[in-house]
Amino acid sequence: MSFMKLSLSRKANLEGMLIGDQVTIGGPAVEENIRFEVLRNESGFENKVFDRLVKKLDKEPFSTVDQVIKYIETY
């Protein structure tokens, strides 16, 4: 398992999300094997994790952006 340290701009993108926004972090387009898709909804955040082959590895709900950032950085 590898760790992804989020840059300040990636953290700012997550922190600035409004309800209905979706942010993608990582993935083959930026030469990373894991891709995170974070959706902001009325109850908080939904985080989906995909591998390089577009297979969904995980789906987790979170109530705060700090929980999302910690999860991504320690995945």
C-alpha atoms as a PDB file:
ATOM      1  CA  MET A   1       0.000   0.000   0.000  1.00  0.00           C
ATOM      2  CA  SER A   2       1.385   3.413  -0.949  1.00  0.00           C
ATOM      3  CA  PHE A   3       0.671   6.741   0.674  1.00  0.00           C
ATOM      4  CA  MET A   4      -0.439   9.841  -1.228  1.00  0.00           C
ATOM      5  CA  LYS A   5       0.509  13.166   0.350  1.00  0.00           C
ATOM      6  CA  LEU A   6      -2.013  15.731  -0.881  1.00  0.00           C
ATOM      7  CA  SER A   7      -0.686  19.060  -2.120  1.00  0.00           C
ATOM      8  CA  LEU A   8      -2.105  22.293  -0.754  1.00  0.00           C
ATOM      9  CA  SER A   9      -4.042  22.838  -3.996  1.00  0.00           C
ATOM     10  CA  ARG A  10      -5.598  19.349  -3.838  1.00  0.00           C
ATOM     11  CA  LYS A  11      -6.611  19.964  -0.218  1.00  0.00           C
ATOM     12  CA  ALA A  12      -8.059  23.362  -1.187  1.00  0.00           C
ATOM     13  CA  ASN A  13     -10.100  21.713  -3.964  1.00  0.00           C
ATOM     14  CA  LEU A  14     -11.602  19.318  -1.423  1.00  0.00           C
ATOM     15  CA  GLU A  15     -12.176  22.006   1.199  1.00  0.00           C
ATOM     16  CA  GLY A  16     -13.952  24.245  -1.334  1.00  0.00           C
ATOM     17  CA  MET A  17     -16.442  21.629  -2.472  1.00  0.00           C
ATOM     18  CA  LEU A  18     -20.127  22.546  -2.486  1.00  0.00           C
ATOM     19  CA  ILE A  19     -23.043  20.096  -2.378  1.00  0.00           C
ATOM     20  CA  GLY A  20     -23.139  18.278  -5.717  1.00  0.00           C
ATOM     21  CA  ASP A  21     -19.455  18.885  -6.525  1.00  0.00           C
ATOM     22  CA  GLN A  22     -17.166  16.018  -7.474  1.00  0.00           C
ATOM     23  CA  VAL A  23     -13.357  16.092  -7.337  1.00  0.00           C
ATOM     24  CA  THR A  24     -11.051  13.472  -8.852  1.00  0.00           C
ATOM     25  CA  ILE A  25      -7.602  12.989  -7.351  1.00  0.00           C
ATOM     26  CA  GLY A  26      -4.869  10.858  -8.877  1.00  0.00           C
ATOM     27  CA  GLY A  27      -5.249   8.238 -11.574  1.00  0.00           C
ATOM     28  CA  PRO A  28      -3.443   7.275 -14.778  1.00  0.00           C
ATOM     29  CA  ALA A  29      -3.821  10.753 -16.302  1.00  0.00           C
ATOM     30  CA  VAL A  30      -1.348  12.039 -13.712  1.00  0.00           C
ATOM     31  CA  GLU A  31       0.697   8.819 -13.636  1.00  0.00           C
ATOM     32  CA  GLU A  32      -0.716   7.524 -10.343  1.00  0.00           C
ATOM     33  CA  ASN A  33      -2.077   3.992  -9.923  1.00  0.00           C
ATOM     34  CA  ILE A  34      -4.951   4.858  -7.596  1.00  0.00           C
ATOM     35  CA  ARG A  35      -7.769   7.310  -8.350  1.00  0.00           C
ATOM     36  CA  PHE A  36     -10.068   8.841  -5.729  1.00  0.00           C
ATOM     37  CA  GLU A  37     -13.451  10.313  -6.673  1.00  0.00           C
ATOM     38  CA  VAL A  38     -14.930  12.464  -3.919  1.00  0.00           C
ATOM     39  CA  LEU A  39     -18.577  13.557  -4.119  1.00  0.00           C
ATOM     40  CA  ARG A  40     -20.007  16.174  -1.767  1.00  0.00           C
ATOM     41  CA  ASN A  41     -23.633  15.496  -0.832  1.00  0.00           C
ATOM     42  CA  GLU A  42     -26.071  16.811   1.762  1.00  0.00           C
ATOM     43  CA  SER A  43     -24.907  14.358   4.424  1.00  0.00           C
ATOM     44  CA  GLY A  44     -21.172  14.886   3.873  1.00  0.00           C
ATOM     45  CA  PHE A  45     -18.749  13.224   1.457  1.00  0.00           C
ATOM     46  CA  GLU A  46     -18.640   9.953  -0.470  1.00  0.00           C
ATOM     47  CA  ASN A  47     -15.197   8.706  -1.437  1.00  0.00           C
ATOM     48  CA  LYS A  48     -14.711   6.042  -4.128  1.00  0.00           C
ATOM     49  CA  VAL A  49     -11.342   4.425  -4.795  1.00  0.00           C
ATOM     50  CA  PHE A  50     -10.379   2.897  -8.158  1.00  0.00           C
ATOM     51  CA  ASP A  51      -7.261   1.076  -9.296  1.00  0.00           C
ATOM     52  CA  ARG A  52      -5.464   1.614 -12.604  1.00  0.00           C
ATOM     53  CA  LEU A  53      -7.802  -0.863 -14.312  1.00  0.00           C
ATOM     54  CA  VAL A  54     -10.878   1.189 -13.289  1.00  0.00           C
ATOM     55  CA  LYS A  55     -11.964  -1.447 -10.793  1.00  0.00           C
ATOM     56  CA  LYS A  56     -13.684   0.043  -7.767  1.00  0.00           C
ATOM     57  CA  LEU A  57     -11.704  -0.938  -4.696  1.00  0.00           C
ATOM     58  CA  ASP A  58     -13.579   0.868  -1.967  1.00  0.00           C
ATOM     59  CA  LYS A  59     -16.443   3.248  -1.192  1.00  0.00           C
ATOM     60  CA  GLU A  60     -16.548   5.154   2.084  1.00  0.00           C
ATOM     61  CA  PRO A  61     -18.857   7.841   3.500  1.00  0.00           C
ATOM     62  CA  PHE A  62     -17.360  10.669   5.582  1.00  0.00           C
ATOM     63  CA  SER A  63     -18.918  13.584   7.408  1.00  0.00           C
ATOM     64  CA  THR A  64     -15.991  16.035   7.172  1.00  0.00           C
ATOM     65  CA  VAL A  65     -13.378  17.020   4.600  1.00  0.00           C
ATOM     66  CA  ASP A  66     -10.634  16.396   7.169  1.00  0.00           C
ATOM     67  CA  GLN A  67     -11.711  12.740   7.328  1.00  0.00           C
ATOM     68  CA  VAL A  68     -11.562  12.536   3.509  1.00  0.00           C
ATOM     69  CA  ILE A  69      -8.051  14.040   3.403  1.00  0.00           C
ATOM     70  CA  LYS A  70      -6.784  11.710   6.149  1.00  0.00           C
ATOM     71  CA  TYR A  71      -8.289   8.677   4.376  1.00  0.00           C
ATOM     72  CA  ILE A  72      -6.685   9.563   1.025  1.00  0.00           C
ATOM     73  CA  GLU A  73      -3.316  10.324   2.580  1.00  0.00           C
ATOM     74  CA  THR A  74      -3.241   7.016   4.478  1.00  0.00           C
ATOM     75  CA  TYR A  75      -4.864   4.739   1.856  1.00  0.00           C
END
